[in-house]
Amino acid sequence: MLKSQFEQRKIGKTAASFRQQTALTTPSGPQWTESALEASAVIQIAFVPTVVDIITQPILRYTLAGKDRQYTPDIAATFAEEGDPIPQRFIIEVKRREELENKRREFADKFYAAREECAKIGFEFRVLHEGHLETAYYRNALNLLPVLSR
């Protein structure tokens, strides 16, 4: 269970931010997101038939240039087909495409460190933007969500 593998950053209430809890039936249970884009990623991942577990705001600790640091990506997810000896495990950062382009240099070290740390703990690091998430699959998942939540 991912909840036992990672400490999670809590998403607090603020007047200026988005905060939403998504009901999930995965082992780690309902998860909080802090942007509409993150919420859409969690919903889509939850609808992947091979998903095993999802958590949001997993904390990665690492050392860069001799300094201890902390990075909190948006999602950790595990997928497995029945009979798979080793599940696929991902750490996912969700950003708007424009932000990725405008802050490319700022994100370079952080994403490099995330890839390195993920490799050490058996995860793959991915960055998703709205082009990956605003899809027909997502719209279908939204249509099914109320039915499945009953």
Protein backbone atom coordinates (compact mmCIF):
# COMPACT_ATOMS: atom_id res chain seq x y z
CA MET A 1 0.00 0.00 0.00
CA LEU A 2 1.45 3.36 -1.06
CA LYS A 3 0.20 5.12 2.07
CA SER A 4 2.61 3.03 4.13
CA GLN A 5 5.54 3.71 1.76
CA PHE A 6 5.37 7.49 1.69
CA GLU A 7 4.80 10.32 4.08
CA GLN A 8 2.16 12.61 2.52
CA ARG A 9 2.10 16.40 2.58
CA LYS A 10 -1.25 17.59 3.87
CA ILE A 11 -3.19 20.00 1.69
CA GLY A 12 -4.61 22.66 3.93
CA LYS A 13 -7.48 25.03 3.36
CA THR A 14 -6.68 28.48 2.05
CA ALA A 15 -8.97 31.13 0.62
CA ALA A 16 -7.00 31.41 -2.62
CA SER A 17 -6.47 27.76 -3.48
CA PHE A 18 -8.32 24.84 -4.97
CA ARG A 19 -8.79 21.87 -2.70
CA GLN A 20 -10.78 18.76 -3.55
CA GLN A 21 -11.08 15.28 -2.15
CA THR A 22 -11.54 12.48 -4.65
CA ALA A 23 -13.24 9.34 -3.38
CA LEU A 24 -11.16 6.32 -4.36
CA THR A 25 -11.66 2.62 -3.74
CA THR A 26 -7.93 1.88 -3.91
CA PRO A 27 -6.22 0.69 -0.68
CA SER A 28 -5.00 4.15 0.35
CA GLY A 29 -8.55 5.52 0.14
CA PRO A 30 -9.79 9.05 -0.70
CA GLN A 31 -7.12 11.56 -1.70
CA TRP A 32 -6.88 15.36 -1.66
CA THR A 33 -5.72 17.40 -4.65
CA GLU A 34 -4.82 21.06 -4.84
CA SER A 35 -5.58 21.85 -8.47
CA ALA A 36 -8.24 20.94 -10.99
CA LEU A 37 -5.51 19.49 -13.21
CA GLU A 38 -4.30 17.22 -10.39
CA ALA A 39 -7.89 16.14 -9.72
CA SER A 40 -8.34 15.22 -13.39
CA ALA A 41 -5.12 13.17 -13.27
CA VAL A 42 -6.25 11.28 -10.16
CA ILE A 43 -9.68 10.57 -11.66
CA GLN A 44 -8.17 9.26 -14.90
CA ILE A 45 -5.64 7.10 -13.09
CA ALA A 46 -8.41 5.69 -10.89
CA PHE A 47 -10.23 4.52 -14.03
CA VAL A 48 -7.26 2.62 -15.46
CA PRO A 49 -8.25 -1.05 -15.15
CA THR A 50 -4.81 -2.09 -13.87
CA VAL A 51 -4.52 0.54 -11.10
CA VAL A 52 -3.71 -0.97 -7.72
CA ASP A 53 -3.24 2.12 -5.54
CA ILE A 54 -2.97 5.93 -5.70
CA ILE A 55 -1.83 8.56 -3.23
CA THR A 56 -1.36 12.28 -3.63
CA GLN A 57 1.43 14.50 -2.31
CA PRO A 58 4.05 11.78 -1.62
CA ILE A 59 7.19 13.26 -0.10
CA LEU A 60 10.56 12.38 -1.66
CA ARG A 61 13.68 13.15 0.36
CA TYR A 62 17.03 13.39 -1.40
CA THR A 63 20.44 15.04 -1.29
CA LEU A 64 21.54 17.49 -3.99
CA ALA A 65 24.86 19.31 -3.96
CA GLY A 66 25.48 18.03 -0.44
CA LYS A 67 22.21 19.42 0.94
CA ASP A 68 19.24 17.42 2.19
CA ARG A 69 16.13 18.40 0.28
CA GLN A 70 12.50 17.48 -0.01
CA TYR A 71 10.30 17.34 -3.10
CA THR A 72 6.57 16.67 -3.13
CA PRO A 73 5.27 15.54 -6.50
CA ASP A 74 1.54 15.30 -7.04
CA ILE A 75 0.80 11.58 -7.33
CA ALA A 76 2.23 8.13 -6.70
CA ALA A 77 0.46 5.25 -8.46
CA THR A 78 0.91 1.51 -8.79
CA PHE A 79 -0.43 -0.59 -11.68
CA ALA A 80 -0.42 -4.36 -12.16
CA GLU A 81 -2.00 -6.83 -14.54
CA GLU A 82 -3.12 -10.06 -12.91
CA GLY A 83 -0.13 -12.33 -12.69
CA ASP A 84 2.45 -9.53 -13.07
CA PRO A 85 5.43 -10.44 -10.89
CA ILE A 86 6.43 -6.78 -10.56
CA PRO A 87 3.91 -3.93 -10.62
CA GLN A 88 4.60 -0.71 -12.52
CA ARG A 89 5.11 2.19 -10.12
CA PHE A 90 5.06 5.86 -11.03
CA ILE A 91 5.65 9.20 -9.36
CA ILE A 92 3.77 11.86 -11.32
CA GLU A 93 4.14 15.63 -11.41
CA VAL A 94 1.19 17.53 -12.92
CA LYS A 95 1.81 21.01 -14.35
CA ARG A 96 0.28 23.29 -16.94
CA ARG A 97 2.22 23.20 -20.21
CA GLU A 98 2.81 26.95 -20.06
CA GLU A 99 4.34 26.68 -16.58
CA LEU A 100 6.61 23.85 -17.73
CA GLU A 101 7.84 25.98 -20.62
CA ASN A 102 8.24 29.19 -18.59
CA LYS A 103 10.03 27.55 -15.66
CA ARG A 104 12.06 24.96 -17.54
CA ARG A 105 15.35 25.90 -15.85
CA GLU A 106 13.76 26.06 -12.41
CA PHE A 107 12.31 22.57 -12.81
CA ALA A 108 15.40 20.98 -14.38
CA ASP A 109 17.28 20.16 -11.13
CA LYS A 110 14.11 19.18 -9.28
CA PHE A 111 12.96 16.81 -12.02
CA TYR A 112 16.46 15.36 -12.42
CA ALA A 113 16.64 14.66 -8.68
CA ALA A 114 13.12 13.19 -8.77
CA ARG A 115 14.08 10.82 -11.61
CA GLU A 116 17.20 9.71 -9.75
CA GLU A 117 15.37 9.20 -6.44
CA CYS A 118 12.50 7.37 -8.16
CA ALA A 119 14.93 4.99 -9.84
CA LYS A 120 16.47 4.20 -6.43
CA ILE A 121 13.09 3.26 -4.94
CA GLY A 122 11.71 1.39 -7.97
CA PHE A 123 9.45 4.07 -9.44
CA GLU A 124 9.43 5.86 -12.79
CA PHE A 125 9.05 9.65 -12.82
CA ARG A 126 6.57 11.24 -15.23
CA VAL A 127 5.43 14.80 -15.88
CA LEU A 128 1.91 15.28 -17.21
CA HIS A 129 0.31 18.44 -18.60
CA GLU A 130 -3.20 19.32 -19.73
CA GLY A 131 -2.55 17.86 -23.20
CA HIS A 132 -2.20 14.46 -21.54
CA LEU A 133 -5.20 14.94 -19.27
CA GLU A 134 -7.96 16.87 -21.00
CA THR A 135 -9.13 13.94 -23.10
CA ALA A 136 -12.25 11.98 -24.05
CA TYR A 137 -11.13 9.34 -21.53
CA TYR A 138 -11.34 11.97 -18.76
CA ARG A 139 -14.77 13.18 -19.89
CA ASN A 140 -16.03 9.58 -19.89
CA ALA A 141 -14.57 9.01 -16.42
CA LEU A 142 -16.38 12.12 -15.16
CA ASN A 143 -19.65 10.81 -16.59
CA LEU A 144 -19.19 7.47 -14.82
CA LEU A 145 -17.99 8.88 -11.49
CA PRO A 146 -21.48 9.67 -10.08
CA VAL A 147 -22.72 6.18 -11.00
CA LEU A 148 -19.76 4.45 -9.38
CA SER A 149 -19.94 6.62 -6.25
CA ARG A 150 -23.40 5.31 -5.35
